[in-house]
Amino acid sequence: AASPLNMGLLGSSFSEFTTSPPNWLGVK
C-alpha cells in the first residue's frame, strides 16, 4: 500500500492541497 498519506494530502500538504488542489488530486 503506497501513499499512506495520499501524496501528502493527509499530512504536511493538507492546507496547501485543500486550499489550492493540484490537478491530479480529485475532489472526492
mmCIF file of all heavy atoms, coordinates in Angstrom:
data_MODEL
# 
_entry.id   MODEL 
# 
loop_
_atom_site.group_PDB 
_atom_site.id 
_atom_site.type_symbol 
_atom_site.label_atom_id 
_atom_site.label_alt_id 
_atom_site.label_comp_id 
_atom_site.label_asym_id 
_atom_site.label_entity_id 
_atom_site.label_seq_id 
_atom_site.pdbx_PDB_ins_code 
_atom_site.Cartn_x 
_atom_site.Cartn_y 
_atom_site.Cartn_z 
_atom_site.occupancy 
_atom_site.B_iso_or_equiv 
_atom_site.pdbx_formal_charge 
_atom_site.auth_seq_id 
_atom_site.auth_comp_id 
_atom_site.auth_asym_id 
_atom_site.auth_atom_id 
_atom_site.pdbx_PDB_model_num 
ATOM 1   N N   . ALA A 1 1  ? 0.854   -1.188 0.000   1.00 0.00 ? 1  ALA A N   1 
ATOM 2   C CA  . ALA A 1 1  ? 0.000   0.000  0.000   1.00 0.00 ? 1  ALA A CA  1 
ATOM 3   C C   . ALA A 1 1  ? 0.890   1.238  0.000   1.00 0.00 ? 1  ALA A C   1 
ATOM 4   O O   . ALA A 1 1  ? 1.495   1.592  1.016   1.00 0.00 ? 1  ALA A O   1 
ATOM 5   C CB  . ALA A 1 1  ? -0.917  0.011  1.216   1.00 0.00 ? 1  ALA A CB  1 
ATOM 6   N N   . ALA A 1 2  ? 0.992   1.886  -1.162  1.00 0.00 ? 2  ALA A N   1 
ATOM 7   C CA  . ALA A 1 2  ? 1.809   3.091  -1.269  1.00 0.00 ? 2  ALA A CA  1 
ATOM 8   C C   . ALA A 1 2  ? 0.950   4.333  -1.044  1.00 0.00 ? 2  ALA A C   1 
ATOM 9   O O   . ALA A 1 2  ? -0.262  4.292  -1.192  1.00 0.00 ? 2  ALA A O   1 
ATOM 10  C CB  . ALA A 1 2  ? 2.483   3.150  -2.640  1.00 0.00 ? 2  ALA A CB  1 
ATOM 11  N N   . SER A 1 3  ? 1.604   5.415  -0.684  1.00 0.00 ? 3  SER A N   1 
ATOM 12  C CA  . SER A 1 3  ? 0.955   6.705  -0.405  1.00 0.00 ? 3  SER A CA  1 
ATOM 13  C C   . SER A 1 3  ? -0.030  6.618  0.764   1.00 0.00 ? 3  SER A C   1 
ATOM 14  O O   . SER A 1 3  ? -1.216  6.919  0.615   1.00 0.00 ? 3  SER A O   1 
ATOM 15  C CB  . SER A 1 3  ? 0.237   7.238  -1.651  1.00 0.00 ? 3  SER A CB  1 
ATOM 16  O OG  . SER A 1 3  ? 1.140   7.438  -2.700  1.00 0.00 ? 3  SER A OG  1 
ATOM 17  N N   . PRO A 1 4  ? 0.441   6.218  1.940   1.00 0.00 ? 4  PRO A N   1 
ATOM 18  C CA  . PRO A 1 4  ? -0.449  6.158  3.108   1.00 0.00 ? 4  PRO A CA  1 
ATOM 19  C C   . PRO A 1 4  ? -1.018  7.518  3.488   1.00 0.00 ? 4  PRO A C   1 
ATOM 20  O O   . PRO A 1 4  ? -2.061  7.592  4.136   1.00 0.00 ? 4  PRO A O   1 
ATOM 21  C CB  . PRO A 1 4  ? 0.446   5.586  4.218   1.00 0.00 ? 4  PRO A CB  1 
ATOM 22  C CG  . PRO A 1 4  ? 1.837   5.872  3.775   1.00 0.00 ? 4  PRO A CG  1 
ATOM 23  C CD  . PRO A 1 4  ? 1.813   5.785  2.281   1.00 0.00 ? 4  PRO A CD  1 
ATOM 24  N N   . LEU A 1 5  ? -0.340  8.600  3.061   1.00 0.00 ? 5  LEU A N   1 
ATOM 25  C CA  . LEU A 1 5  ? -0.835  9.952  3.329   1.00 0.00 ? 5  LEU A CA  1 
ATOM 26  C C   . LEU A 1 5  ? -1.448  10.581 2.082   1.00 0.00 ? 5  LEU A C   1 
ATOM 27  O O   . LEU A 1 5  ? -1.630  11.802 2.016   1.00 0.00 ? 5  LEU A O   1 
ATOM 28  C CB  . LEU A 1 5  ? 0.284   10.844 3.875   1.00 0.00 ? 5  LEU A CB  1 
ATOM 29  C CG  . LEU A 1 5  ? 0.926   10.389 5.190   1.00 0.00 ? 5  LEU A CG  1 
ATOM 30  C CD1 . LEU A 1 5  ? 1.973   11.399 5.645   1.00 0.00 ? 5  LEU A CD1 1 
ATOM 31  C CD2 . LEU A 1 5  ? -0.117  10.171 6.274   1.00 0.00 ? 5  LEU A CD2 1 
ATOM 32  N N   . ASN A 1 6  ? -1.802  9.748  1.108   1.00 0.00 ? 6  ASN A N   1 
ATOM 33  C CA  . ASN A 1 6  ? -2.445  10.215 -0.125  1.00 0.00 ? 6  ASN A CA  1 
ATOM 34  C C   . ASN A 1 6  ? -1.649  11.362 -0.766  1.00 0.00 ? 6  ASN A C   1 
ATOM 35  O O   . ASN A 1 6  ? -2.162  12.452 -0.991  1.00 0.00 ? 6  ASN A O   1 
ATOM 36  C CB  . ASN A 1 6  ? -3.881  10.649 0.129   1.00 0.00 ? 6  ASN A CB  1 
ATOM 37  C CG  . ASN A 1 6  ? -4.771  10.460 -1.092  1.00 0.00 ? 6  ASN A CG  1 
ATOM 38  O OD1 . ASN A 1 6  ? -5.428  9.431  -1.241  1.00 0.00 ? 6  ASN A OD1 1 
ATOM 39  N ND2 . ASN A 1 6  ? -4.783  11.415 -2.004  1.00 0.00 ? 6  ASN A ND2 1 
ATOM 40  N N   . MET A 1 7  ? -0.382  11.092 -1.028  1.00 0.00 ? 7  MET A N   1 
ATOM 41  C CA  . MET A 1 7  ? 0.524   12.058 -1.666  1.00 0.00 ? 7  MET A CA  1 
ATOM 42  C C   . MET A 1 7  ? 0.669   13.349 -0.856  1.00 0.00 ? 7  MET A C   1 
ATOM 43  O O   . MET A 1 7  ? 0.829   14.440 -1.412  1.00 0.00 ? 7  MET A O   1 
ATOM 44  C CB  . MET A 1 7  ? 0.051   12.409 -3.081  1.00 0.00 ? 7  MET A CB  1 
ATOM 45  C CG  . MET A 1 7  ? -0.145  11.231 -4.001  1.00 0.00 ? 7  MET A CG  1 
ATOM 46  S SD  . MET A 1 7  ? 1.410   10.442 -4.417  1.00 0.00 ? 7  MET A SD  1 
ATOM 47  C CE  . MET A 1 7  ? 0.984   9.641  -5.958  1.00 0.00 ? 7  MET A CE  1 
ATOM 48  N N   . GLY A 1 8  ? 0.596   13.245 0.463   1.00 0.00 ? 8  GLY A N   1 
ATOM 49  C CA  . GLY A 1 8  ? 0.767   14.416 1.319   1.00 0.00 ? 8  GLY A CA  1 
ATOM 50  C C   . GLY A 1 8  ? -0.517  15.088 1.746   1.00 0.00 ? 8  GLY A C   1 
ATOM 51  O O   . GLY A 1 8  ? -0.520  15.931 2.651   1.00 0.00 ? 8  GLY A O   1 
ATOM 52  N N   . LEU A 1 9  ? -1.638  14.721 1.119   1.00 0.00 ? 9  LEU A N   1 
ATOM 53  C CA  . LEU A 1 9  ? -2.927  15.325 1.462   1.00 0.00 ? 9  LEU A CA  1 
ATOM 54  C C   . LEU A 1 9  ? -3.288  15.079 2.918   1.00 0.00 ? 9  LEU A C   1 
ATOM 55  O O   . LEU A 1 9  ? -3.905  15.932 3.569   1.00 0.00 ? 9  LEU A O   1 
ATOM 56  C CB  . LEU A 1 9  ? -4.020  14.757 0.541   1.00 0.00 ? 9  LEU A CB  1 
ATOM 57  C CG  . LEU A 1 9  ? -5.461  15.182 0.818   1.00 0.00 ? 9  LEU A CG  1 
ATOM 58  C CD1 . LEU A 1 9  ? -5.623  16.689 0.673   1.00 0.00 ? 9  LEU A CD1 1 
ATOM 59  C CD2 . LEU A 1 9  ? -6.420  14.451 -0.121  1.00 0.00 ? 9  LEU A CD2 1 
ATOM 60  N N   . LEU A 1 10 ? -2.911  13.913 3.451   1.00 0.00 ? 10 LEU A N   1 
ATOM 61  C CA  . LEU A 1 10 ? -3.213  13.568 4.838   1.00 0.00 ? 10 LEU A CA  1 
ATOM 62  C C   . LEU A 1 10 ? -2.032  13.879 5.767   1.00 0.00 ? 10 LEU A C   1 
ATOM 63  O O   . LEU A 1 10 ? -1.944  13.340 6.862   1.00 0.00 ? 10 LEU A O   1 
ATOM 64  C CB  . LEU A 1 10 ? -3.568  12.086 4.945   1.00 0.00 ? 10 LEU A CB  1 
ATOM 65  C CG  . LEU A 1 10 ? -4.861  11.675 4.232   1.00 0.00 ? 10 LEU A CG  1 
ATOM 66  C CD1 . LEU A 1 10 ? -4.998  10.165 4.176   1.00 0.00 ? 10 LEU A CD1 1 
ATOM 67  C CD2 . LEU A 1 10 ? -6.078  12.300 4.916   1.00 0.00 ? 10 LEU A CD2 1 
ATOM 68  N N   . GLY A 1 11 ? -1.166  14.765 5.306   1.00 0.00 ? 11 GLY A N   1 
ATOM 69  C CA  . GLY A 1 11 ? -0.013  15.116 6.112   1.00 0.00 ? 11 GLY A CA  1 
ATOM 70  C C   . GLY A 1 11 ? 0.367   16.566 5.945   1.00 0.00 ? 11 GLY A C   1 
ATOM 71  O O   . GLY A 1 11 ? -0.474  17.473 6.041   1.00 0.00 ? 11 GLY A O   1 
ATOM 72  N N   . SER A 1 12 ? 1.635   16.794 5.620   1.00 0.00 ? 12 SER A N   1 
ATOM 73  C CA  . SER A 1 12 ? 2.166   18.156 5.601   1.00 0.00 ? 12 SER A CA  1 
ATOM 74  C C   . SER A 1 12 ? 1.580   19.044 4.508   1.00 0.00 ? 12 SER A C   1 
ATOM 75  O O   . SER A 1 12 ? 1.667   20.265 4.589   1.00 0.00 ? 12 SER A O   1 
ATOM 76  C CB  . SER A 1 12 ? 3.691   18.108 5.437   1.00 0.00 ? 12 SER A CB  1 
ATOM 77  O OG  . SER A 1 12 ? 4.049   17.462 4.220   1.00 0.00 ? 12 SER A OG  1 
ATOM 78  N N   . SER A 1 13 ? 0.967   18.443 3.474   1.00 0.00 ? 13 SER A N   1 
ATOM 79  C CA  . SER A 1 13 ? 0.413   19.245 2.369   1.00 0.00 ? 13 SER A CA  1 
ATOM 80  C C   . SER A 1 13 ? -1.092  19.465 2.494   1.00 0.00 ? 13 SER A C   1 
ATOM 81  O O   . SER A 1 13 ? -1.728  19.950 1.553   1.00 0.00 ? 13 SER A O   1 
ATOM 82  C CB  . SER A 1 13 ? 0.720   18.562 1.031   1.00 0.00 ? 13 SER A CB  1 
ATOM 83  O OG  . SER A 1 13 ? 2.105   18.485 0.805   1.00 0.00 ? 13 SER A OG  1 
ATOM 84  N N   . PHE A 1 14 ? -1.679  19.116 3.639   1.00 0.00 ? 14 PHE A N   1 
ATOM 85  C CA  . PHE A 1 14 ? -3.131  19.228 3.799   1.00 0.00 ? 14 PHE A CA  1 
ATOM 86  C C   . PHE A 1 14 ? -3.634  20.642 3.503   1.00 0.00 ? 14 PHE A C   1 
ATOM 87  O O   . PHE A 1 14 ? -4.545  20.829 2.687   1.00 0.00 ? 14 PHE A O   1 
ATOM 88  C CB  . PHE A 1 14 ? -3.554  18.809 5.209   1.00 0.00 ? 14 PHE A CB  1 
ATOM 89  C CG  . PHE A 1 14 ? -5.012  19.038 5.488   1.00 0.00 ? 14 PHE A CG  1 
ATOM 90  C CD1 . PHE A 1 14 ? -5.979  18.156 5.010   1.00 0.00 ? 14 PHE A CD1 1 
ATOM 91  C CD2 . PHE A 1 14 ? -5.435  20.146 6.226   1.00 0.00 ? 14 PHE A CD2 1 
ATOM 92  C CE1 . PHE A 1 14 ? -7.333  18.372 5.254   1.00 0.00 ? 14 PHE A CE1 1 
ATOM 93  C CE2 . PHE A 1 14 ? -6.777  20.376 6.475   1.00 0.00 ? 14 PHE A CE2 1 
ATOM 94  C CZ  . PHE A 1 14 ? -7.722  19.481 5.983   1.00 0.00 ? 14 PHE A CZ  1 
ATOM 95  N N   . SER A 1 15 ? -3.042  21.636 4.140   1.00 0.00 ? 15 SER A N   1 
ATOM 96  C CA  . SER A 1 15 ? -3.514  23.016 3.950   1.00 0.00 ? 15 SER A CA  1 
ATOM 97  C C   . SER A 1 15 ? -3.326  23.468 2.510   1.00 0.00 ? 15 SER A C   1 
ATOM 98  O O   . SER A 1 15 ? -4.229  24.066 1.906   1.00 0.00 ? 15 SER A O   1 
ATOM 99  C CB  . SER A 1 15 ? -2.770  23.964 4.890   1.00 0.00 ? 15 SER A CB  1 
ATOM 100 O OG  . SER A 1 15 ? -3.069  23.674 6.235   1.00 0.00 ? 15 SER A OG  1 
ATOM 101 N N   . GLU A 1 16 ? -2.160  23.175 1.949   1.00 0.00 ? 16 GLU A N   1 
ATOM 102 C CA  . GLU A 1 16 ? -1.861  23.583 0.569   1.00 0.00 ? 16 GLU A CA  1 
ATOM 103 C C   . GLU A 1 16 ? -2.815  22.923 -0.421  1.00 0.00 ? 16 GLU A C   1 
ATOM 104 O O   . GLU A 1 16 ? -3.389  23.588 -1.291  1.00 0.00 ? 16 GLU A O   1 
ATOM 105 C CB  . GLU A 1 16 ? -0.420  23.214 0.234   1.00 0.00 ? 16 GLU A CB  1 
ATOM 106 C CG  . GLU A 1 16 ? -0.029  23.506 -1.207  1.00 0.00 ? 16 GLU A CG  1 
ATOM 107 C CD  . GLU A 1 16 ? 1.334   22.945 -1.570  1.00 0.00 ? 16 GLU A CD  1 
ATOM 108 O OE1 . GLU A 1 16 ? 2.070   22.510 -0.653  1.00 0.00 ? 16 GLU A OE1 1 
ATOM 109 O OE2 . GLU A 1 16 ? 1.656   22.924 -2.778  1.00 0.00 ? 16 GLU A OE2 1 
ATOM 110 N N   . PHE A 1 17 ? -3.001  21.606 -0.293  1.00 0.00 ? 17 PHE A N   1 
ATOM 111 C CA  . PHE A 1 17 ? -3.808  20.872 -1.264  1.00 0.00 ? 17 PHE A CA  1 
ATOM 112 C C   . PHE A 1 17 ? -5.300  21.142 -1.122  1.00 0.00 ? 17 PHE A C   1 
ATOM 113 O O   . PHE A 1 17 ? -6.045  21.072 -2.101  1.00 0.00 ? 17 PHE A O   1 
ATOM 114 C CB  . PHE A 1 17 ? -3.551  19.369 -1.139  1.00 0.00 ? 17 PHE A CB  1 
ATOM 115 C CG  . PHE A 1 17 ? -2.212  18.927 -1.685  1.00 0.00 ? 17 PHE A CG  1 
ATOM 116 C CD1 . PHE A 1 17 ? -1.798  17.612 -1.569  1.00 0.00 ? 17 PHE A CD1 1 
ATOM 117 C CD2 . PHE A 1 17 ? -1.363  19.818 -2.311  1.00 0.00 ? 17 PHE A CD2 1 
ATOM 118 C CE1 . PHE A 1 17 ? -0.578  17.189 -2.078  1.00 0.00 ? 17 PHE A CE1 1 
ATOM 119 C CE2 . PHE A 1 17 ? -0.130  19.417 -2.822  1.00 0.00 ? 17 PHE A CE2 1 
ATOM 120 C CZ  . PHE A 1 17 ? 0.266   18.099 -2.702  1.00 0.00 ? 17 PHE A CZ  1 
ATOM 121 N N   . THR A 1 18 ? -5.769  21.438 0.090   1.00 0.00 ? 18 THR A N   1 
ATOM 122 C CA  . THR A 1 18 ? -7.194  21.732 0.258   1.00 0.00 ? 18 THR A CA  1 
ATOM 123 C C   . THR A 1 18 ? -7.517  23.176 -0.142  1.00 0.00 ? 18 THR A C   1 
ATOM 124 O O   . THR A 1 18 ? -8.647  23.482 -0.502  1.00 0.00 ? 18 THR A O   1 
ATOM 125 C CB  . THR A 1 18 ? -7.649  21.483 1.708   1.00 0.00 ? 18 THR A CB  1 
ATOM 126 O OG1 . THR A 1 18 ? -6.780  22.183 2.616   1.00 0.00 ? 18 THR A OG1 1 
ATOM 127 C CG2 . THR A 1 18 ? -7.637  19.991 2.034   1.00 0.00 ? 18 THR A CG2 1 
ATOM 128 N N   . THR A 1 19 ? -6.515  24.043 -0.079  1.00 0.00 ? 19 THR A N   1 
ATOM 129 C CA  . THR A 1 19 ? -6.705  25.438 -0.483  1.00 0.00 ? 19 THR A CA  1 
ATOM 130 C C   . THR A 1 19 ? -6.541  25.604 -1.990  1.00 0.00 ? 19 THR A C   1 
ATOM 131 O O   . THR A 1 19 ? -7.337  26.283 -2.649  1.00 0.00 ? 19 THR A O   1 
ATOM 132 C CB  . THR A 1 19 ? -5.705  26.351 0.245   1.00 0.00 ? 19 THR A CB  1 
ATOM 133 O OG1 . THR A 1 19 ? -5.864  26.204 1.648   1.00 0.00 ? 19 THR A OG1 1 
ATOM 134 C CG2 . THR A 1 19 ? -5.926  27.805 -0.149  1.00 0.00 ? 19 THR A CG2 1 
ATOM 135 N N   . SER A 1 20 ? -5.507  24.977 -2.525  1.00 0.00 ? 20 SER A N   1 
ATOM 136 C CA  . SER A 1 20 ? -5.217  25.082 -3.957  1.00 0.00 ? 20 SER A CA  1 
ATOM 137 C C   . SER A 1 20 ? -4.876  23.693 -4.495  1.00 0.00 ? 20 SER A C   1 
ATOM 138 O O   . SER A 1 20 ? -3.706  23.343 -4.637  1.00 0.00 ? 20 SER A O   1 
ATOM 139 C CB  . SER A 1 20 ? -4.045  26.045 -4.180  1.00 0.00 ? 20 SER A CB  1 
ATOM 140 O OG  . SER A 1 20 ? -3.757  26.178 -5.550  1.00 0.00 ? 20 SER A OG  1 
ATOM 141 N N   . PRO A 1 21 ? -5.896  22.879 -4.789  1.00 0.00 ? 21 PRO A N   1 
ATOM 142 C CA  . PRO A 1 21 ? -5.675  21.482 -5.158  1.00 0.00 ? 21 PRO A CA  1 
ATOM 143 C C   . PRO A 1 21 ? -4.882  21.334 -6.454  1.00 0.00 ? 21 PRO A C   1 
ATOM 144 O O   . PRO A 1 21 ? -5.152  22.037 -7.435  1.00 0.00 ? 21 PRO A O   1 
ATOM 145 C CB  . PRO A 1 21 ? -7.099  20.939 -5.343  1.00 0.00 ? 21 PRO A CB  1 
ATOM 146 C CG  . PRO A 1 21 ? -7.986  21.896 -4.625  1.00 0.00 ? 21 PRO A CG  1 
ATOM 147 C CD  . PRO A 1 21 ? -7.322  23.231 -4.750  1.00 0.00 ? 21 PRO A CD  1 
ATOM 148 N N   . PRO A 1 22 ? -3.892  20.426 -6.479  1.00 0.00 ? 22 PRO A N   1 
ATOM 149 C CA  . PRO A 1 22 ? -3.206  20.128 -7.735  1.00 0.00 ? 22 PRO A CA  1 
ATOM 150 C C   . PRO A 1 22 ? -4.165  19.416 -8.692  1.00 0.00 ? 22 PRO A C   1 
ATOM 151 O O   . PRO A 1 22 ? -5.159  18.818 -8.257  1.00 0.00 ? 22 PRO A O   1 
ATOM 152 C CB  . PRO A 1 22 ? -2.063  19.201 -7.304  1.00 0.00 ? 22 PRO A CB  1 
ATOM 153 C CG  . PRO A 1 22 ? -2.499  18.620 -5.998  1.00 0.00 ? 22 PRO A CG  1 
ATOM 154 C CD  . PRO A 1 22 ? -3.370  19.647 -5.347  1.00 0.00 ? 22 PRO A CD  1 
ATOM 155 N N   . ASN A 1 23 ? -3.874  19.481 -9.990  1.00 0.00 ? 23 ASN A N   1 
ATOM 156 C CA  . ASN A 1 23 ? -4.824  18.955 -10.975 1.00 0.00 ? 23 ASN A CA  1 
ATOM 157 C C   . ASN A 1 23 ? -4.984  17.446 -10.923 1.00 0.00 ? 23 ASN A C   1 
ATOM 158 O O   . ASN A 1 23 ? -5.947  16.905 -11.451 1.00 0.00 ? 23 ASN A O   1 
ATOM 159 C CB  . ASN A 1 23 ? -4.423  19.396 -12.396 1.00 0.00 ? 23 ASN A CB  1 
ATOM 160 C CG  . ASN A 1 23 ? -3.007  18.972 -12.764 1.00 0.00 ? 23 ASN A CG  1 
ATOM 161 O OD1 . ASN A 1 23 ? -2.425  18.111 -12.121 1.00 0.00 ? 23 ASN A OD1 1 
ATOM 162 N ND2 . ASN A 1 23 ? -2.462  19.598 -13.790 1.00 0.00 ? 23 ASN A ND2 1 
ATOM 163 N N   . TRP A 1 24 ? -4.045  16.748 -10.281 1.00 0.00 ? 24 TRP A N   1 
ATOM 164 C CA  . TRP A 1 24 ? -4.127  15.289 -10.231 1.00 0.00 ? 24 TRP A CA  1 
ATOM 165 C C   . TRP A 1 24 ? -4.891  14.786 -8.995  1.00 0.00 ? 24 TRP A C   1 
ATOM 166 O O   . TRP A 1 24 ? -5.091  13.582 -8.839  1.00 0.00 ? 24 TRP A O   1 
ATOM 167 C CB  . TRP A 1 24 ? -2.726  14.673 -10.230 1.00 0.00 ? 24 TRP A CB  1 
ATOM 168 C CG  . TRP A 1 24 ? -1.752  15.327 -9.292  1.00 0.00 ? 24 TRP A CG  1 
ATOM 169 C CD1 . TRP A 1 24 ? -0.847  16.299 -9.589  1.00 0.00 ? 24 TRP A CD1 1 
ATOM 170 C CD2 . TRP A 1 24 ? -1.597  15.065 -7.886  1.00 0.00 ? 24 TRP A CD2 1 
ATOM 171 N NE1 . TRP A 1 24 ? -0.131  16.671 -8.470  1.00 0.00 ? 24 TRP A NE1 1 
ATOM 172 C CE2 . TRP A 1 24 ? -0.568  15.924 -7.411  1.00 0.00 ? 24 TRP A CE2 1 
ATOM 173 C CE3 . TRP A 1 24 ? -2.214  14.198 -6.991  1.00 0.00 ? 24 TRP A CE3 1 
ATOM 174 C CZ2 . TRP A 1 24 ? -0.166  15.930 -6.088  1.00 0.00 ? 24 TRP A CZ2 1 
ATOM 175 C CZ3 . TRP A 1 24 ? -1.811  14.202 -5.670  1.00 0.00 ? 24 TRP A CZ3 1 
ATOM 176 C CH2 . TRP A 1 24 ? -0.799  15.058 -5.228  1.00 0.00 ? 24 TRP A CH2 1 
ATOM 177 N N   . LEU A 1 25 ? -5.316  15.697 -8.144  1.00 0.00 ? 25 LEU A N   1 
ATOM 178 C CA  . LEU A 1 25 ? -5.991  15.299 -6.911  1.00 0.00 ? 25 LEU A CA  1 
ATOM 179 C C   . LEU A 1 25 ? -7.493  15.510 -7.039  1.00 0.00 ? 25 LEU A C   1 
ATOM 180 O O   . LEU A 1 25 ? -7.957  16.609 -7.325  1.00 0.00 ? 25 LEU A O   1 
ATOM 181 C CB  . LEU A 1 25 ? -5.443  16.128 -5.744  1.00 0.00 ? 25 LEU A CB  1 
ATOM 182 C CG  . LEU A 1 25 ? -5.858  15.717 -4.332  1.00 0.00 ? 25 LEU A CG  1 
ATOM 183 C CD1 . LEU A 1 25 ? -5.474  14.281 -4.043  1.00 0.00 ? 25 LEU A CD1 1 
ATOM 184 C CD2 . LEU A 1 25 ? -5.192  16.651 -3.322  1.00 0.00 ? 25 LEU A CD2 1 
ATOM 185 N N   . GLY A 1 26 ? -8.259  14.451 -6.840  1.00 0.00 ? 26 GLY A N   1 
ATOM 186 C CA  . GLY A 1 26 ? -9.700  14.507 -7.020  1.00 0.00 ? 26 GLY A CA  1 
ATOM 187 C C   . GLY A 1 26 ? -10.436 15.190 -5.879  1.00 0.00 ? 26 GLY A C   1 
ATOM 188 O O   . GLY A 1 26 ? -9.990  15.186 -4.728  1.00 0.00 ? 26 GLY A O   1 
ATOM 189 N N   . VAL A 1 27 ? -11.595 15.756 -6.211  1.00 0.00 ? 27 VAL A N   1 
ATOM 190 C CA  . VAL A 1 27 ? -12.423 16.450 -5.217  1.00 0.00 ? 27 VAL A CA  1 
ATOM 191 C C   . VAL A 1 27 ? -12.870 15.494 -4.111  1.00 0.00 ? 27 VAL A C   1 
ATOM 192 O O   . VAL A 1 27 ? -12.913 15.864 -2.929  1.00 0.00 ? 27 VAL A O   1 
ATOM 193 C CB  . VAL A 1 27 ? -13.654 17.085 -5.909  1.00 0.00 ? 27 VAL A CB  1 
ATOM 194 C CG1 . VAL A 1 27 ? -14.612 17.664 -4.869  1.00 0.00 ? 27 VAL A CG1 1 
ATOM 195 C CG2 . VAL A 1 27 ? -13.220 18.163 -6.897  1.00 0.00 ? 27 VAL A CG2 1 
ATOM 196 N N   . LYS A 1 28 ? -13.189 14.277 -4.489  1.00 0.00 ? 28 LYS A N   1 
ATOM 197 C CA  . LYS A 1 28 ? -13.665 13.282 -3.526  1.00 0.00 ? 28 LYS A CA  1 
ATOM 198 C C   . LYS A 1 28 ? -12.643 13.060 -2.408  1.00 0.00 ? 28 LYS A C   1 
ATOM 199 O O   . LYS A 1 28 ? -12.990 13.013 -1.220  1.00 0.00 ? 28 LYS A O   1 
ATOM 200 C CB  . LYS A 1 28 ? -13.952 11.971 -4.261  1.00 0.00 ? 28 LYS A CB  1 
ATOM 201 C CG  . LYS A 1 28 ? -14.536 10.865 -3.412  1.00 0.00 ? 28 LYS A CG  1 
ATOM 202 C CD  . LYS A 1 28 ? -14.835 9.648  -4.289  1.00 0.00 ? 28 LYS A CD  1 
ATOM 203 C CE  . LYS A 1 28 ? -15.350 8.488  -3.469  1.00 0.00 ? 28 LYS A CE  1 
ATOM 204 N NZ  . LYS A 1 28 ? -15.604 7.298  -4.324  1.00 0.00 ? 28 LYS A NZ  1 
# 
